[in-house]
PDB file of N, CA and C in Angstrom:
ATOM      1  N   UNK A   1      57.517 123.535 128.999  1.00  0.00           N
ATOM      2  CA  UNK A   1      57.970 123.690 127.590  1.00  0.00           C
ATOM      3  C   UNK A   1      59.563 123.981 127.251  1.00  0.00           C
ATOM      4  N   UNK A   2      59.595 124.932 127.553  1.00  0.00           N
ATOM      5  CA  UNK A   2      60.443 126.074 128.002  1.00  0.00           C
ATOM      6  C   UNK A   2      61.865 125.090 128.212  1.00  0.00           C
ATOM      7  N   UNK A   3      61.732 124.576 129.447  1.00  0.00           N
ATOM      8  CA  UNK A   3      62.483 124.008 130.299  1.00  0.00           C
ATOM      9  C   UNK A   3      62.829 122.690 129.311  1.00  0.00           C
ATOM     10  N   UNK A   4      62.437 121.759 128.651  1.00  0.00           N
ATOM     11  CA  UNK A   4      62.751 120.412 127.499  1.00  0.00           C
ATOM     12  C   UNK A   4      63.444 121.434 126.440  1.00  0.00           C
ATOM     13  N   UNK A   5      63.405 122.530 125.592  1.00  0.00           N
ATOM     14  CA  UNK A   5      64.183 122.830 124.792  1.00  0.00           C
ATOM     15  C   UNK A   5      65.141 123.265 125.341  1.00  0.00           C
ATOM     16  N   UNK A   6      65.097 123.799 125.968  1.00  0.00           N
ATOM     17  CA  UNK A   6      66.900 124.249 127.025  1.00  0.00           C
ATOM     18  C   UNK A   6      67.724 122.982 127.621  1.00  0.00           C
ATOM     19  N   UNK A   7      66.824 121.881 127.931  1.00  0.00           N
ATOM     20  CA  UNK A   7      67.785 120.429 128.068  1.00  0.00           C
ATOM     21  C   UNK A   7      68.409 119.851 127.083  1.00  0.00           C
ATOM     22  N   UNK A   8      67.386 119.983 125.509  1.00  0.00           N
ATOM     23  CA  UNK A   8      67.430 119.601 124.073  1.00  0.00           C
ATOM     24  C   UNK A   8      68.918 120.347 123.679  1.00  0.00           C
ATOM     25  N   UNK A   9      68.744 121.834 124.013  1.00  0.00           N
ATOM     26  CA  UNK A   9      69.892 122.238 123.482  1.00  0.00           C
ATOM     27  C   UNK A   9      71.073 122.106 124.158  1.00  0.00           C
ATOM     28  N   UNK A  10      71.154 122.213 125.396  1.00  0.00           N
ATOM     29  CA  UNK A  10      72.529 121.626 126.185  1.00  0.00           C
ATOM     30  C   UNK A  10      72.423 120.093 125.602  1.00  0.00           C
ATOM     31  N   UNK A  11      71.533 119.330 125.524  1.00  0.00           N
ATOM     32  CA  UNK A  11      72.053 118.323 124.969  1.00  0.00           C
ATOM     33  C   UNK A  11      72.901 118.103 123.684  1.00  0.00           C
ATOM     34  N   UNK A  12      72.441 119.202 122.757  1.00  0.00           N
ATOM     35  CA  UNK A  12      72.850 119.256 121.410  1.00  0.00           C
ATOM     36  C   UNK A  12      74.283 119.592 121.676  1.00  0.00           C
ATOM     37  N   UNK A  13      74.177 120.820 122.722  1.00  0.00           N
ATOM     38  CA  UNK A  13      76.101 121.463 122.436  1.00  0.00           C
ATOM     39  C   UNK A  13      77.174 120.576 122.850  1.00  0.00           C
ATOM     40  N   UNK A  14      76.712 119.673 123.789  1.00  0.00           N
ATOM     41  CA  UNK A  14      77.302 118.792 124.459  1.00  0.00           C
ATOM     42  C   UNK A  14      77.489 117.813 122.830  1.00  0.00           C
ATOM     43  N   UNK A  15      77.068 117.344 122.045  1.00  0.00           N
ATOM     44  CA  UNK A  15      76.902 116.490 121.260  1.00  0.00           C
ATOM     45  C   UNK A  15      77.938 117.471 120.186  1.00  0.00           C
ATOM     46  N   UNK A  16      77.515 118.580 120.244  1.00  0.00           N
ATOM     47  CA  UNK A  16      78.737 119.704 118.801  1.00  0.00           C
ATOM     48  C   UNK A  16      80.012 119.565 119.931  1.00  0.00           C
ATOM     49  N   UNK A  17      80.455 119.355 120.764  1.00  0.00           N
ATOM     50  CA  UNK A  17      81.624 119.101 121.739  1.00  0.00           C
ATOM     51  C   UNK A  17      82.026 117.873 121.290  1.00  0.00           C
ATOM     52  N   UNK A  18      81.113 117.066 121.448  1.00  0.00           N
ATOM     53  CA  UNK A  18      82.084 115.601 120.984  1.00  0.00           C
ATOM     54  C   UNK A  18      82.404 115.325 119.947  1.00  0.00           C
ATOM     55  N   UNK A  19      81.832 116.009 118.924  1.00  0.00           N
ATOM     56  CA  UNK A  19      82.159 115.988 117.311  1.00  0.00           C
ATOM     57  C   UNK A  19      83.327 116.746 116.951  1.00  0.00           C
ATOM     58  N   UNK A  20      83.748 118.032 117.726  1.00  0.00           N
ATOM     59  CA  UNK A  20      84.727 118.781 117.561  1.00  0.00           C
ATOM     60  C   UNK A  20      86.020 117.877 118.159  1.00  0.00           C
ATOM     61  N   UNK A  21      85.466 117.093 119.149  1.00  0.00           N
ATOM     62  CA  UNK A  21      86.706 116.369 119.708  1.00  0.00           C
ATOM     63  C   UNK A  21      87.018 115.453 119.212  1.00  0.00           C
ATOM     64  N   UNK A  22      85.901 114.540 118.263  1.00  0.00           N
ATOM     65  CA  UNK A  22      86.136 113.658 117.434  1.00  0.00           C
ATOM     66  C   UNK A  22      87.204 114.218 116.202  1.00  0.00           C
ATOM     67  N   UNK A  23      86.399 115.311 115.639  1.00  0.00           N
ATOM     68  CA  UNK A  23      87.334 115.912 114.580  1.00  0.00           C
ATOM     69  C   UNK A  23      88.851 116.042 114.992  1.00  0.00           C
ATOM     70  N   UNK A  24      89.262 116.212 115.725  1.00  0.00           N
ATOM     71  CA  UNK A  24      90.725 116.864 116.206  1.00  0.00           C
ATOM     72  C   UNK A  24      91.015 115.444 116.490  1.00  0.00           C
ATOM     73  N   UNK A  25      90.867 114.110 117.018  1.00  0.00           N
ATOM     74  CA  UNK A  25      91.229 112.858 116.751  1.00  0.00           C
ATOM     75  C   UNK A  25      91.640 112.533 115.383  1.00  0.00           C
ATOM     76  N   UNK A  26      90.459 112.519 114.667  1.00  0.00           N
ATOM     77  CA  UNK A  26      91.039 111.973 112.939  1.00  0.00           C
ATOM     78  C   UNK A  26      92.146 113.018 112.736  1.00  0.00           C
ATOM     79  N   UNK A  27      91.963 114.047 112.728  1.00  0.00           N
ATOM     80  CA  UNK A  27      93.047 114.945 112.468  1.00  0.00           C
ATOM     81  C   UNK A  27      94.975 114.275 112.757  1.00  0.00           C
ATOM     82  N   UNK A  28      94.397 113.893 114.593  1.00  0.00           N
ATOM     83  CA  UNK A  28      95.885 113.436 115.090  1.00  0.00           C
ATOM     84  C   UNK A  28      96.191 111.985 114.035  1.00  0.00           C
ATOM     85  N   UNK A  29      94.922 110.935 114.204  1.00  0.00           N
ATOM     86  CA  UNK A  29      95.277 109.973 113.239  1.00  0.00           C
ATOM     87  C   UNK A  29      95.839 109.923 112.011  1.00  0.00           C
ATOM     88  N   UNK A  30      95.392 111.074 111.437  1.00  0.00           N
ATOM     89  CA  UNK A  30      96.052 111.426 110.183  1.00  0.00           C
ATOM     90  C   UNK A  30      97.140 111.635 110.009  1.00  0.00           C
ATOM     91  N   UNK A  31      97.973 112.558 110.836  1.00  0.00           N
ATOM     92  CA  UNK A  31      99.191 112.840 111.204  1.00  0.00           C
ATOM     93  C   UNK A  31      99.855 111.634 111.656  1.00  0.00           C
ATOM     94  N   UNK A  32      99.007 111.027 112.374  1.00  0.00           N
ATOM     95  CA  UNK A  32      99.936 109.665 113.078  1.00  0.00           C
ATOM     96  C   UNK A  32     100.387 108.736 111.621  1.00  0.00           C
ATOM     97  N   UNK A  33      99.372 108.393 110.672  1.00  0.00           N
ATOM     98  CA  UNK A  33      99.486 107.619 109.626  1.00  0.00           C
ATOM     99  C   UNK A  33     100.248 108.421 108.528  1.00  0.00           C
ATOM    100  N   UNK A  34     101.030 109.539 108.240  1.00  0.00           N
ATOM    101  CA  UNK A  34     102.237 110.350 107.581  1.00  0.00           C
ATOM    102  C   UNK A  34     103.315 109.836 108.603  1.00  0.00           C
ATOM    103  N   UNK A  35     103.465 110.205 110.106  1.00  0.00           N
ATOM    104  CA  UNK A  35     104.399 109.769 110.695  1.00  0.00           C
ATOM    105  C   UNK A  35     104.646 108.240 110.221  1.00  0.00           C
ATOM    106  N   UNK A  36     103.814 107.391 110.136  1.00  0.00           N
ATOM    107  CA  UNK A  36     104.173 105.885 110.087  1.00  0.00           C
ATOM    108  C   UNK A  36     105.033 105.759 108.564  1.00  0.00           C
ATOM    109  N   UNK A  37     104.186 106.659 107.362  1.00  0.00           N
ATOM    110  CA  UNK A  37     104.546 106.469 106.195  1.00  0.00           C
ATOM    111  C   UNK A  37     106.008 107.114 105.776  1.00  0.00           C
ATOM    112  N   UNK A  38     106.231 107.881 107.042  1.00  0.00           N
ATOM    113  CA  UNK A  38     107.685 108.912 107.100  1.00  0.00           C
ATOM    114  C   UNK A  38     108.789 107.329 107.559  1.00  0.00           C
ATOM    115  N   UNK A  39     108.171 107.212 108.685  1.00  0.00           N
ATOM    116  CA  UNK A  39     108.936 106.018 109.120  1.00  0.00           C
ATOM    117  C   UNK A  39     109.160 104.494 108.105  1.00  0.00           C
ATOM    118  N   UNK A  40     108.136 104.259 107.415  1.00  0.00           N
ATOM    119  CA  UNK A  40     108.610 103.247 106.694  1.00  0.00           C
ATOM    120  C   UNK A  40     109.754 103.940 105.710  1.00  0.00           C
ATOM    121  N   UNK A  41     109.611 105.138 105.441  1.00  0.00           N
ATOM    122  CA  UNK A  41     110.540 105.792 104.246  1.00  0.00           C
ATOM    123  C   UNK A  41     111.820 105.943 104.975  1.00  0.00           C
ATOM    124  N   UNK A  42     112.331 106.266 105.911  1.00  0.00           N
ATOM    125  CA  UNK A  42     113.453 105.688 106.224  1.00  0.00           C
ATOM    126  C   UNK A  42     113.892 104.193 106.877  1.00  0.00           C
ATOM    127  N   UNK A  43     113.296 103.454 107.277  1.00  0.00           N
ATOM    128  CA  UNK A  43     113.253 102.299 107.278  1.00  0.00           C
ATOM    129  C   UNK A  43     114.182 101.682 105.526  1.00  0.00           C
ATOM    130  N   UNK A  44     112.748 102.251 104.787  1.00  0.00           N
ATOM    131  CA  UNK A  44     114.058 101.507 103.504  1.00  0.00           C
ATOM    132  C   UNK A  44     115.183 102.877 103.275  1.00  0.00           C
ATOM    133  N   UNK A  45     115.219 103.921 103.617  1.00  0.00           N
ATOM    134  CA  UNK A  45     116.692 104.502 102.985  1.00  0.00           C
ATOM    135  C   UNK A  45     117.775 103.832 104.080  1.00  0.00           C
ATOM    136  N   UNK A  46     117.408 102.931 105.341  1.00  0.00           N
ATOM    137  CA  UNK A  46     118.187 102.575 106.473  1.00  0.00           C
ATOM    138  C   UNK A  46     118.471 101.405 105.420  1.00  0.00           C
ATOM    139  N   UNK A  47     117.963 100.398 105.204  1.00  0.00           N
ATOM    140  CA  UNK A  47     118.225  99.315 104.313  1.00  0.00           C
ATOM    141  C   UNK A  47     119.290  99.749 103.146  1.00  0.00           C
ATOM    142  N   UNK A  48     119.506 100.903 102.289  1.00  0.00           N
ATOM    143  CA  UNK A  48     120.071 100.994 101.120  1.00  0.00           C
ATOM    144  C   UNK A  48     121.017 101.754 101.694  1.00  0.00           C
ATOM    145  N   UNK A  49     120.910 101.700 103.154  1.00  0.00           N
ATOM    146  CA  UNK A  49     122.443 102.607 103.709  1.00  0.00           C
ATOM    147  C   UNK A  49     123.352 101.060 104.098  1.00  0.00           C
ATOM    148  N   UNK A  50     122.619 100.127 104.452  1.00  0.00           N
ATOM    149  CA  UNK A  50     123.515  99.033 104.439  1.00  0.00           C
ATOM    150  C   UNK A  50     123.330  98.071 103.365  1.00  0.00           C
ATOM    151  N   UNK A  51     123.107  97.838 102.558  1.00  0.00           N
ATOM    152  CA  UNK A  51     123.625  97.851 100.996  1.00  0.00           C
ATOM    153  C   UNK A  51     124.721  98.196 100.886  1.00  0.00           C
ATOM    154  N   UNK A  52     124.612  99.709 100.611  1.00  0.00           N
ATOM    155  CA  UNK A  52     125.899 100.613 100.525  1.00  0.00           C
ATOM    156  C   UNK A  52     127.053 100.496 101.411  1.00  0.00           C
ATOM    157  N   UNK A  53     126.744 100.067 102.846  1.00  0.00           N
ATOM    158  CA  UNK A  53     127.988  99.634 103.706  1.00  0.00           C
ATOM    159  C   UNK A  53     128.693  98.252 102.838  1.00  0.00           C
ATOM    160  N   UNK A  54     127.538  97.485 102.677  1.00  0.00           N
ATOM    161  CA  UNK A  54     128.262  95.806 102.444  1.00  0.00           C
ATOM    162  C   UNK A  54     129.008  95.712 100.878  1.00  0.00           C
ATOM    163  N   UNK A  55     128.299  97.317  99.926  1.00  0.00           N
ATOM    164  CA  UNK A  55     129.143  97.014  99.064  1.00  0.00           C
ATOM    165  C   UNK A  55     130.553  98.059  98.670  1.00  0.00           C
ATOM    166  N   UNK A  56     130.567  98.857  99.801  1.00  0.00           N
ATOM    167  CA  UNK A  56     131.710  99.465 100.256  1.00  0.00           C
ATOM    168  C   UNK A  56     132.749  98.239 100.777  1.00  0.00           C
ATOM    169  N   UNK A  57     132.197  97.704 101.539  1.00  0.00           N
ATOM    170  CA  UNK A  57     132.720  96.474 102.395  1.00  0.00           C
ATOM    171  C   UNK A  57     133.100  95.531 101.064  1.00  0.00           C
ATOM    172  N   UNK A  58     132.484  95.215 100.431  1.00  0.00           N
ATOM    173  CA  UNK A  58     133.048  94.468  99.105  1.00  0.00           C
ATOM    174  C   UNK A  58     133.647  94.831  98.062  1.00  0.00           C
ATOM    175  N   UNK A  59     133.934  96.363  97.408  1.00  0.00           N
ATOM    176  CA  UNK A  59     134.910  97.176  97.052  1.00  0.00           C
ATOM    177  C   UNK A  59     136.461  97.092  97.636  1.00  0.00           C
ATOM    178  N   UNK A  60     135.781  97.020  99.258  1.00  0.00           N
ATOM    179  CA  UNK A  60     137.464  97.041  99.826  1.00  0.00           C
ATOM    180  C   UNK A  60     138.268  96.402  99.814  1.00  0.00           C
ATOM    181  N   UNK A  61     137.246  94.710 100.062  1.00  0.00           N
ATOM    182  CA  UNK A  61     137.880  93.556  99.784  1.00  0.00           C
ATOM    183  C   UNK A  61     138.519  93.401  98.417  1.00  0.00           C
ATOM    184  N   UNK A  62     138.120  93.338  97.397  1.00  0.00           N
ATOM    185  CA  UNK A  62     138.352  93.029  95.978  1.00  0.00           C
ATOM    186  C   UNK A  62     139.206  94.108  95.489  1.00  0.00           C
ATOM    187  N   UNK A  63     139.749  95.296  96.304  1.00  0.00           N
ATOM    188  CA  UNK A  63     140.866  96.219  95.929  1.00  0.00           C
ATOM    189  C   UNK A  63     142.279  96.030  96.388  1.00  0.00           C
ATOM    190  N   UNK A  64     141.693  95.238  97.548  1.00  0.00           N
ATOM    191  CA  UNK A  64     142.828  94.758  98.798  1.00  0.00           C
ATOM    192  C   UNK A  64     144.153  93.979  98.091  1.00  0.00           C
TER     193      UNK A  64
END
């Protein structure tokens, strides 16, 4: 009986370790999601920078 309880206790310990690993993976996934959001914002800023460059080019053309 005691041996069975010890085996079950070991199994439970391993399950808890796996649960902790899963929690860490979820945290990393959330961080990755935030990085992807920042990457999208950067892409939008780069688009705006390109538009700004085009406007400056047009401004130079029309003032020349």
